[in-house]
PDB file of N, CA and C in Angstrom:
ATOM      1  N   UNK A   1      95.971  50.202 122.045  1.00  0.00           N
ATOM      2  CA  UNK A   1      95.305  51.067 122.990  1.00  0.00           C
ATOM      3  C   UNK A   1      94.253  51.890 122.257  1.00  0.00           C
ATOM      4  N   UNK A   2      93.048  51.813 122.665  1.00  0.00           N
ATOM      5  CA  UNK A   2      91.973  52.566 122.040  1.00  0.00           C
ATOM      6  C   UNK A   2      91.855  53.959 122.636  1.00  0.00           C
ATOM      7  N   UNK A   3      91.192  54.791 121.895  1.00  0.00           N
ATOM      8  CA  UNK A   3      90.982  56.151 122.387  1.00  0.00           C
ATOM      9  C   UNK A   3      89.856  56.143 123.409  1.00  0.00           C
ATOM     10  N   UNK A   4      90.063  56.916 124.437  1.00  0.00           N
ATOM     11  CA  UNK A   4      89.009  57.041 125.438  1.00  0.00           C
ATOM     12  C   UNK A   4      87.998  58.071 124.995  1.00  0.00           C
ATOM     13  N   UNK A   5      86.767  57.756 125.190  1.00  0.00           N
ATOM     14  CA  UNK A   5      85.715  58.723 124.868  1.00  0.00           C
ATOM     15  C   UNK A   5      85.473  59.586 126.095  1.00  0.00           C
ATOM     16  N   UNK A   6      85.484  60.906 125.841  1.00  0.00           N
ATOM     17  CA  UNK A   6      85.232  61.830 126.936  1.00  0.00           C
ATOM     18  C   UNK A   6      83.763  62.193 126.941  1.00  0.00           C
ATOM     19  N   UNK A   7      83.188  62.186 128.089  1.00  0.00           N
ATOM     20  CA  UNK A   7      81.805  62.611 128.214  1.00  0.00           C
ATOM     21  C   UNK A   7      81.756  64.133 128.194  1.00  0.00           C
ATOM     22  N   UNK A   8      80.798  64.648 127.467  1.00  0.00           N
ATOM     23  CA  UNK A   8      80.634  66.101 127.414  1.00  0.00           C
ATOM     24  C   UNK A   8      79.868  66.552 128.648  1.00  0.00           C
ATOM     25  N   UNK A   9      80.405  67.580 129.251  1.00  0.00           N
ATOM     26  CA  UNK A   9      79.740  68.124 130.420  1.00  0.00           C
ATOM     27  C   UNK A   9      78.535  68.960 130.021  1.00  0.00           C
ATOM     28  N   UNK A  10      77.703  69.262 130.962  1.00  0.00           N
ATOM     29  CA  UNK A  10      76.499  70.045 130.707  1.00  0.00           C
ATOM     30  C   UNK A  10      76.847  71.444 130.204  1.00  0.00           C
ATOM     31  N   UNK A  11      77.877  72.065 130.773  1.00  0.00           N
ATOM     32  CA  UNK A  11      78.267  73.402 130.339  1.00  0.00           C
ATOM     33  C   UNK A  11      78.726  73.387 128.887  1.00  0.00           C
ATOM     34  N   UNK A  12      79.487  72.373 128.495  1.00  0.00           N
ATOM     35  CA  UNK A  12      79.964  72.284 127.115  1.00  0.00           C
ATOM     36  C   UNK A  12      78.800  72.073 126.144  1.00  0.00           C
ATOM     37  N   UNK A  13      77.840  71.262 126.517  1.00  0.00           N
ATOM     38  CA  UNK A  13      76.670  71.037 125.662  1.00  0.00           C
ATOM     39  C   UNK A  13      75.882  72.325 125.452  1.00  0.00           C
ATOM     40  N   UNK A  14      75.739  73.106 126.519  1.00  0.00           N
ATOM     41  CA  UNK A  14      74.996  74.361 126.429  1.00  0.00           C
ATOM     42  C   UNK A  14      75.732  75.351 125.530  1.00  0.00           C
ATOM     43  N   UNK A  15      77.056  75.458 125.701  1.00  0.00           N
ATOM     44  CA  UNK A  15      77.799  76.409 124.872  1.00  0.00           C
ATOM     45  C   UNK A  15      77.823  75.981 123.410  1.00  0.00           C
ATOM     46  N   UNK A  16      77.832  74.685 123.120  1.00  0.00           N
ATOM     47  CA  UNK A  16      77.771  74.225 121.737  1.00  0.00           C
ATOM     48  C   UNK A  16      76.427  74.551 121.101  1.00  0.00           C
ATOM     49  N   UNK A  17      75.376  74.560 121.890  1.00  0.00           N
ATOM     50  CA  UNK A  17      74.058  74.923 121.367  1.00  0.00           C
ATOM     51  C   UNK A  17      73.975  76.411 121.024  1.00  0.00           C
ATOM     52  N   UNK A  18      74.752  77.242 121.730  1.00  0.00           N
ATOM     53  CA  UNK A  18      74.694  78.685 121.528  1.00  0.00           C
ATOM     54  C   UNK A  18      75.532  79.160 120.347  1.00  0.00           C
ATOM     55  N   UNK A  19      76.474  78.352 119.879  1.00  0.00           N
ATOM     56  CA  UNK A  19      77.380  78.757 118.812  1.00  0.00           C
ATOM     57  C   UNK A  19      76.898  78.190 117.485  1.00  0.00           C
ATOM     58  N   UNK A  20      76.794  79.064 116.498  1.00  0.00           N
ATOM     59  CA  UNK A  20      76.413  78.637 115.163  1.00  0.00           C
ATOM     60  C   UNK A  20      77.672  78.630 114.303  1.00  0.00           C
ATOM     61  N   UNK A  21      77.974  77.489 113.727  1.00  0.00           N
ATOM     62  CA  UNK A  21      79.159  77.367 112.879  1.00  0.00           C
ATOM     63  C   UNK A  21      78.747  77.639 111.440  1.00  0.00           C
ATOM     64  N   UNK A  22      79.244  78.721 110.862  1.00  0.00           N
ATOM     65  CA  UNK A  22      78.899  79.056 109.484  1.00  0.00           C
ATOM     66  C   UNK A  22      80.090  79.714 108.810  1.00  0.00           C
ATOM     67  N   UNK A  23      80.063  79.707 107.478  1.00  0.00           N
ATOM     68  CA  UNK A  23      81.133  80.327 106.706  1.00  0.00           C
ATOM     69  C   UNK A  23      80.738  81.759 106.369  1.00  0.00           C
ATOM     70  N   UNK A  24      81.737  82.622 106.263  1.00  0.00           N
ATOM     71  CA  UNK A  24      81.490  84.014 105.899  1.00  0.00           C
ATOM     72  C   UNK A  24      81.221  84.119 104.404  1.00  0.00           C
ATOM     73  N   UNK A  25      80.360  85.048 104.038  1.00  0.00           N
ATOM     74  CA  UNK A  25      80.120  85.306 102.627  1.00  0.00           C
ATOM     75  C   UNK A  25      81.287  86.124 102.073  1.00  0.00           C
ATOM     76  N   UNK A  26      81.323  86.239 100.751  1.00  0.00           N
ATOM     77  CA  UNK A  26      82.401  87.004 100.119  1.00  0.00           C
ATOM     78  C   UNK A  26      82.364  88.468 100.555  1.00  0.00           C
ATOM     79  N   UNK A  27      81.168  89.028 100.665  1.00  0.00           N
ATOM     80  CA  UNK A  27      81.039  90.431 101.088  1.00  0.00           C
ATOM     81  C   UNK A  27      81.552  90.616 102.517  1.00  0.00           C
ATOM     82  N   UNK A  28      81.271  89.652 103.391  1.00  0.00           N
ATOM     83  CA  UNK A  28      81.742  89.756 104.767  1.00  0.00           C
ATOM     84  C   UNK A  28      83.263  89.633 104.844  1.00  0.00           C
ATOM     85  N   UNK A  29      83.839  88.736 104.057  1.00  0.00           N
ATOM     86  CA  UNK A  29      85.301  88.600 104.050  1.00  0.00           C
ATOM     87  C   UNK A  29      85.956  89.869 103.525  1.00  0.00           C
ATOM     88  N   UNK A  30      85.406  90.425 102.451  1.00  0.00           N
ATOM     89  CA  UNK A  30      85.958  91.664 101.895  1.00  0.00           C
ATOM     90  C   UNK A  30      85.781  92.825 102.873  1.00  0.00           C
ATOM     91  N   UNK A  31      84.603  92.885 103.511  1.00  0.00           N
ATOM     92  CA  UNK A  31      84.359  93.924 104.513  1.00  0.00           C
ATOM     93  C   UNK A  31      85.327  93.831 105.679  1.00  0.00           C
ATOM     94  N   UNK A  32      85.644  92.604 106.112  1.00  0.00           N
ATOM     95  CA  UNK A  32      86.611  92.429 107.199  1.00  0.00           C
ATOM     96  C   UNK A  32      87.989  92.938 106.799  1.00  0.00           C
ATOM     97  N   UNK A  33      88.397  92.636 105.579  1.00  0.00           N
ATOM     98  CA  UNK A  33      89.714  93.094 105.124  1.00  0.00           C
ATOM     99  C   UNK A  33      89.767  94.617 105.040  1.00  0.00           C
ATOM    100  N   UNK A  34      88.712  95.205 104.479  1.00  0.00           N
ATOM    101  CA  UNK A  34      88.657  96.675 104.420  1.00  0.00           C
ATOM    102  C   UNK A  34      88.640  97.265 105.830  1.00  0.00           C
ATOM    103  N   UNK A  35      87.901  96.631 106.731  1.00  0.00           N
ATOM    104  CA  UNK A  35      87.811  97.124 108.103  1.00  0.00           C
ATOM    105  C   UNK A  35      89.147  97.124 108.812  1.00  0.00           C
ATOM    106  N   UNK A  36      89.926  96.057 108.631  1.00  0.00           N
ATOM    107  CA  UNK A  36      91.249  96.013 109.249  1.00  0.00           C
ATOM    108  C   UNK A  36      92.145  97.108 108.669  1.00  0.00           C
ATOM    109  N   UNK A  37      92.080  97.303 107.364  1.00  0.00           N
ATOM    110  CA  UNK A  37      92.905  98.333 106.748  1.00  0.00           C
ATOM    111  C   UNK A  37      92.468  99.724 107.231  1.00  0.00           C
ATOM    112  N   UNK A  38      91.153  99.947 107.299  1.00  0.00           N
ATOM    113  CA  UNK A  38      90.647 101.231 107.776  1.00  0.00           C
ATOM    114  C   UNK A  38      91.028 101.500 109.213  1.00  0.00           C
ATOM    115  N   UNK A  39      90.997 100.465 110.038  1.00  0.00           N
ATOM    116  CA  UNK A  39      91.396 100.618 111.436  1.00  0.00           C
ATOM    117  C   UNK A  39      92.865 100.999 111.541  1.00  0.00           C
ATOM    118  N   UNK A  40      93.685 100.422 110.677  1.00  0.00           N
ATOM    119  CA  UNK A  40      95.105 100.794 110.651  1.00  0.00           C
ATOM    120  C   UNK A  40      95.302 102.260 110.305  1.00  0.00           C
ATOM    121  N   UNK A  41      94.539 102.739 109.316  1.00  0.00           N
ATOM    122  CA  UNK A  41      94.625 104.153 108.962  1.00  0.00           C
ATOM    123  C   UNK A  41      94.173 105.040 110.113  1.00  0.00           C
ATOM    124  N   UNK A  42      93.074 104.665 110.763  1.00  0.00           N
ATOM    125  CA  UNK A  42      92.560 105.474 111.871  1.00  0.00           C
ATOM    126  C   UNK A  42      93.543 105.474 113.046  1.00  0.00           C
ATOM    127  N   UNK A  43      94.174 104.331 113.314  1.00  0.00           N
ATOM    128  CA  UNK A  43      95.130 104.252 114.428  1.00  0.00           C
ATOM    129  C   UNK A  43      96.376 105.101 114.177  1.00  0.00           C
ATOM    130  N   UNK A  44      96.797 105.203 112.937  1.00  0.00           N
ATOM    131  CA  UNK A  44      98.016 105.971 112.653  1.00  0.00           C
ATOM    132  C   UNK A  44      97.747 107.461 112.452  1.00  0.00           C
ATOM    133  N   UNK A  45      96.507 107.845 112.277  1.00  0.00           N
ATOM    134  CA  UNK A  45      96.164 109.227 111.954  1.00  0.00           C
ATOM    135  C   UNK A  45      96.564 110.267 112.990  1.00  0.00           C
ATOM    136  N   UNK A  46      96.383 110.040 114.294  1.00  0.00           N
ATOM    137  CA  UNK A  46      96.765 111.092 115.247  1.00  0.00           C
ATOM    138  C   UNK A  46      98.240 111.463 115.173  1.00  0.00           C
ATOM    139  N   UNK A  47      99.079 110.497 114.799  1.00  0.00           N
ATOM    140  CA  UNK A  47     100.508 110.764 114.726  1.00  0.00           C
ATOM    141  C   UNK A  47     100.881 111.505 113.447  1.00  0.00           C
ATOM    142  N   UNK A  48      99.979 111.497 112.468  1.00  0.00           N
ATOM    143  CA  UNK A  48     100.268 112.127 111.180  1.00  0.00           C
ATOM    144  C   UNK A  48      99.619 113.499 111.024  1.00  0.00           C
ATOM    145  N   UNK A  49      98.836 113.941 112.005  1.00  0.00           N
ATOM    146  CA  UNK A  49      98.153 115.233 111.904  1.00  0.00           C
ATOM    147  C   UNK A  49      99.126 116.403 111.790  1.00  0.00           C
ATOM    148  N   UNK A  50     100.263 116.298 112.407  1.00  0.00           N
ATOM    149  CA  UNK A  50     101.209 117.417 112.411  1.00  0.00           C
ATOM    150  C   UNK A  50     101.954 117.557 111.090  1.00  0.00           C
ATOM    151  N   UNK A  51     101.879 116.560 110.225  1.00  0.00           N
ATOM    152  CA  UNK A  51     102.606 116.602 108.961  1.00  0.00           C
ATOM    153  C   UNK A  51     101.702 117.097 107.836  1.00  0.00           C
ATOM    154  N   UNK A  52     101.510 118.388 107.757  1.00  0.00           N
ATOM    155  CA  UNK A  52     100.751 119.023 106.679  1.00  0.00           C
ATOM    156  C   UNK A  52      99.353 118.417 106.500  1.00  0.00           C
ATOM    157  N   UNK A  53      98.652 118.184 107.618  1.00  0.00           N
ATOM    158  CA  UNK A  53      97.287 117.647 107.634  1.00  0.00           C
ATOM    159  C   UNK A  53      97.174 116.266 107.001  1.00  0.00           C
ATOM    160  N   UNK A  54      98.251 115.514 106.940  1.00  0.00           N
ATOM    161  CA  UNK A  54      98.197 114.169 106.379  1.00  0.00           C
ATOM    162  C   UNK A  54      97.281 113.269 107.209  1.00  0.00           C
ATOM    163  N   UNK A  55      97.263 113.483 108.514  1.00  0.00           N
ATOM    164  CA  UNK A  55      96.410 112.685 109.390  1.00  0.00           C
ATOM    165  C   UNK A  55      94.937 112.847 109.096  1.00  0.00           C
ATOM    166  N   UNK A  56      94.521 114.041 108.679  1.00  0.00           N
ATOM    167  CA  UNK A  56      93.106 114.255 108.345  1.00  0.00           C
ATOM    168  C   UNK A  56      92.720 113.421 107.121  1.00  0.00           C
ATOM    169  N   UNK A  57      93.622 113.335 106.162  1.00  0.00           N
ATOM    170  CA  UNK A  57      93.347 112.509 104.981  1.00  0.00           C
ATOM    171  C   UNK A  57      93.273 111.031 105.362  1.00  0.00           C
ATOM    172  N   UNK A  58      94.177 110.594 106.237  1.00  0.00           N
ATOM    173  CA  UNK A  58      94.146 109.187 106.621  1.00  0.00           C
ATOM    174  C   UNK A  58      92.929 108.870 107.498  1.00  0.00           C
ATOM    175  N   UNK A  59      92.449 109.850 108.278  1.00  0.00           N
ATOM    176  CA  UNK A  59      91.193 109.648 108.996  1.00  0.00           C
ATOM    177  C   UNK A  59      90.050 109.419 108.007  1.00  0.00           C
ATOM    178  N   UNK A  60      89.986 110.229 106.966  1.00  0.00           N
ATOM    179  CA  UNK A  60      88.921 110.077 105.972  1.00  0.00           C
ATOM    180  C   UNK A  60      89.013 108.725 105.269  1.00  0.00           C
ATOM    181  N   UNK A  61      90.206 108.332 104.865  1.00  0.00           N
ATOM    182  CA  UNK A  61      90.381 107.042 104.195  1.00  0.00           C
ATOM    183  C   UNK A  61      89.996 105.903 105.135  1.00  0.00           C
ATOM    184  N   UNK A  62      90.417 105.990 106.391  1.00  0.00           N
ATOM    185  CA  UNK A  62      90.091 104.957 107.371  1.00  0.00           C
ATOM    186  C   UNK A  62      88.606 104.841 107.624  1.00  0.00           C
ATOM    187  N   UNK A  63      87.926 105.962 107.708  1.00  0.00           N
ATOM    188  CA  UNK A  63      86.476 105.930 107.942  1.00  0.00           C
ATOM    189  C   UNK A  63      85.760 105.310 106.749  1.00  0.00           C
ATOM    190  N   UNK A  64      86.182 105.668 105.539  1.00  0.00           N
ATOM    191  CA  UNK A  64      85.543 105.108 104.339  1.00  0.00           C
ATOM    192  C   UNK A  64      85.765 103.598 104.272  1.00  0.00           C
ATOM    193  N   UNK A  65      86.981 103.149 104.594  1.00  0.00           N
ATOM    194  CA  UNK A  65      87.280 101.718 104.533  1.00  0.00           C
ATOM    195  C   UNK A  65      86.610 100.925 105.651  1.00  0.00           C
ATOM    196  N   UNK A  66      86.323 101.557 106.776  1.00  0.00           N
ATOM    197  CA  UNK A  66      85.738 100.843 107.909  1.00  0.00           C
ATOM    198  C   UNK A  66      84.220 100.715 107.820  1.00  0.00           C
ATOM    199  N   UNK A  67      83.575 101.570 107.072  1.00  0.00           N
ATOM    200  CA  UNK A  67      82.114 101.559 107.027  1.00  0.00           C
ATOM    201  C   UNK A  67      81.531 100.238 106.513  1.00  0.00           C
ATOM    202  N   UNK A  68      82.058  99.611 105.442  1.00  0.00           N
ATOM    203  CA  UNK A  68      81.431  98.356 104.992  1.00  0.00           C
ATOM    204  C   UNK A  68      81.426  97.252 106.047  1.00  0.00           C
ATOM    205  N   UNK A  69      82.494  97.140 106.814  1.00  0.00           N
ATOM    206  CA  UNK A  69      82.558  96.090 107.828  1.00  0.00           C
ATOM    207  C   UNK A  69      81.494  96.284 108.893  1.00  0.00           C
ATOM    208  N   UNK A  70      81.378  97.490 109.414  1.00  0.00           N
ATOM    209  CA  UNK A  70      80.407  97.720 110.485  1.00  0.00           C
ATOM    210  C   UNK A  70      78.977  97.742 109.948  1.00  0.00           C
ATOM    211  N   UNK A  71      78.806  98.071 108.676  1.00  0.00           N
ATOM    212  CA  UNK A  71      77.471  98.046 108.067  1.00  0.00           C
ATOM    213  C   UNK A  71      76.993  96.606 107.940  1.00  0.00           C
ATOM    214  N   UNK A  72      77.855  95.717 107.444  1.00  0.00           N
ATOM    215  CA  UNK A  72      77.482  94.317 107.287  1.00  0.00           C
ATOM    216  C   UNK A  72      77.250  93.636 108.629  1.00  0.00           C
ATOM    217  N   UNK A  73      77.983  94.060 109.645  1.00  0.00           N
ATOM    218  CA  UNK A  73      77.820  93.490 110.981  1.00  0.00           C
ATOM    219  C   UNK A  73      76.642  94.126 111.725  1.00  0.00           C
ATOM    220  N   UNK A  74      76.021  95.125 111.122  1.00  0.00           N
ATOM    221  CA  UNK A  74      74.880  95.841 111.712  1.00  0.00           C
ATOM    222  C   UNK A  74      75.233  96.468 113.059  1.00  0.00           C
ATOM    223  N   UNK A  75      76.435  97.040 113.105  1.00  0.00           N
ATOM    224  CA  UNK A  75      76.876  97.766 114.303  1.00  0.00           C
ATOM    225  C   UNK A  75      76.646  99.247 114.039  1.00  0.00           C
ATOM    226  N   UNK A  76      75.403  99.655 114.213  1.00  0.00           N
ATOM    227  CA  UNK A  76      74.980 100.988 113.774  1.00  0.00           C
ATOM    228  C   UNK A  76      75.656 102.097 114.552  1.00  0.00           C
ATOM    229  N   UNK A  77      76.024 101.853 115.799  1.00  0.00           N
ATOM    230  CA  UNK A  77      76.720 102.893 116.555  1.00  0.00           C
ATOM    231  C   UNK A  77      78.082 103.201 115.929  1.00  0.00           C
ATOM    232  N   UNK A  78      78.768 102.185 115.416  1.00  0.00           N
ATOM    233  CA  UNK A  78      80.056 102.422 114.777  1.00  0.00           C
ATOM    234  C   UNK A  78      79.902 103.038 113.392  1.00  0.00           C
ATOM    235  N   UNK A  79      78.786 102.748 112.731  1.00  0.00           N
ATOM    236  CA  UNK A  79      78.510 103.419 111.458  1.00  0.00           C
ATOM    237  C   UNK A  79      78.371 104.916 111.704  1.00  0.00           C
ATOM    238  N   UNK A  80      77.671 105.281 112.768  1.00  0.00           N
ATOM    239  CA  UNK A  80      77.487 106.694 113.098  1.00  0.00           C
ATOM    240  C   UNK A  80      78.826 107.339 113.472  1.00  0.00           C
ATOM    241  N   UNK A  81      79.669 106.615 114.208  1.00  0.00           N
ATOM    242  CA  UNK A  81      80.990 107.148 114.570  1.00  0.00           C
ATOM    243  C   UNK A  81      81.817 107.409 113.309  1.00  0.00           C
ATOM    244  N   UNK A  82      81.799 106.473 112.354  1.00  0.00           N
ATOM    245  CA  UNK A  82      82.566 106.660 111.129  1.00  0.00           C
ATOM    246  C   UNK A  82      81.995 107.780 110.267  1.00  0.00           C
ATOM    247  N   UNK A  83      80.683 107.918 110.238  1.00  0.00           N
ATOM    248  CA  UNK A  83      80.092 109.045 109.511  1.00  0.00           C
ATOM    249  C   UNK A  83      80.469 110.362 110.171  1.00  0.00           C
ATOM    250  N   UNK A  84      80.529 110.364 111.506  1.00  0.00           N
ATOM    251  CA  UNK A  84      80.959 111.555 112.232  1.00  0.00           C
ATOM    252  C   UNK A  84      82.400 111.903 111.874  1.00  0.00           C
ATOM    253  N   UNK A  85      83.262 110.893 111.758  1.00  0.00           N
ATOM    254  CA  UNK A  85      84.648 111.117 111.322  1.00  0.00           C
ATOM    255  C   UNK A  85      84.683 111.742 109.929  1.00  0.00           C
ATOM    256  N   UNK A  86      83.876 111.192 109.033  1.00  0.00           N
ATOM    257  CA  UNK A  86      83.850 111.704 107.659  1.00  0.00           C
ATOM    258  C   UNK A  86      83.416 113.163 107.615  1.00  0.00           C
ATOM    259  N   UNK A  87      82.351 113.476 108.336  1.00  0.00           N
ATOM    260  CA  UNK A  87      81.831 114.844 108.320  1.00  0.00           C
ATOM    261  C   UNK A  87      82.803 115.794 109.015  1.00  0.00           C
ATOM    262  N   UNK A  88      83.292 115.395 110.192  1.00  0.00           N
ATOM    263  CA  UNK A  88      84.170 116.268 110.969  1.00  0.00           C
ATOM    264  C   UNK A  88      85.475 116.588 110.258  1.00  0.00           C
ATOM    265  N   UNK A  89      86.168 115.565 109.802  1.00  0.00           N
ATOM    266  CA  UNK A  89      87.446 115.823 109.141  1.00  0.00           C
ATOM    267  C   UNK A  89      87.255 116.318 107.716  1.00  0.00           C
ATOM    268  N   UNK A  90      86.120 116.018 107.106  1.00  0.00           N
ATOM    269  CA  UNK A  90      85.824 116.616 105.805  1.00  0.00           C
ATOM    270  C   UNK A  90      85.672 118.119 105.915  1.00  0.00           C
ATOM    271  N   UNK A  91      84.939 118.571 106.942  1.00  0.00           N
ATOM    272  CA  UNK A  91      84.794 120.014 107.173  1.00  0.00           C
ATOM    273  C   UNK A  91      86.130 120.647 107.570  1.00  0.00           C
ATOM    274  N   UNK A  92      86.910 119.929 108.364  1.00  0.00           N
ATOM    275  CA  UNK A  92      88.229 120.428 108.767  1.00  0.00           C
ATOM    276  C   UNK A  92      89.107 120.674 107.539  1.00  0.00           C
ATOM    277  N   UNK A  93      89.142 119.706 106.634  1.00  0.00           N
ATOM    278  CA  UNK A  93      89.952 119.867 105.421  1.00  0.00           C
ATOM    279  C   UNK A  93      89.380 120.953 104.516  1.00  0.00           C
ATOM    280  N   UNK A  94      88.079 121.043 104.443  1.00  0.00           N
ATOM    281  CA  UNK A  94      87.442 122.055 103.603  1.00  0.00           C
ATOM    282  C   UNK A  94      87.794 123.467 104.093  1.00  0.00           C
ATOM    283  N   UNK A  95      87.767 123.657 105.410  1.00  0.00           N
ATOM    284  CA  UNK A  95      88.052 124.984 105.963  1.00  0.00           C
ATOM    285  C   UNK A  95      89.545 125.325 105.934  1.00  0.00           C
ATOM    286  N   UNK A  96      90.415 124.341 106.156  1.00  0.00           N
ATOM    287  CA  UNK A  96      91.843 124.627 106.281  1.00  0.00           C
ATOM    288  C   UNK A  96      92.620 124.492 104.985  1.00  0.00           C
ATOM    289  N   UNK A  97      92.148 123.690 104.072  1.00  0.00           N
ATOM    290  CA  UNK A  97      92.920 123.442 102.853  1.00  0.00           C
ATOM    291  C   UNK A  97      92.374 124.276 101.699  1.00  0.00           C
ATOM    292  N   UNK A  98      91.076 124.327 101.565  1.00  0.00           N
ATOM    293  CA  UNK A  98      90.502 125.055 100.431  1.00  0.00           C
ATOM    294  C   UNK A  98      90.309 126.523 100.704  1.00  0.00           C
TER     295      UNK A  98
END
């Protein structure tokens, strides 16, 4: 029994033309890993704020780790959000800890 050949529909042909298949560079792979780790820190930070300002430190670490991923992806709005996190919680720690 031979394999049947399926005809590609017009919609499938169009979507294949729109997708570019490429490999990630080393910087992009590293940025993705840092971004996932930074997102984890940012997600856990609100729950850690009550424990001696530990959440503020994890917000700062998360923002620093997330910036390379969004910078390489050219998502400038998220770069600004992460810089806002850095400035806001940096000032918070400066005023409350020092």
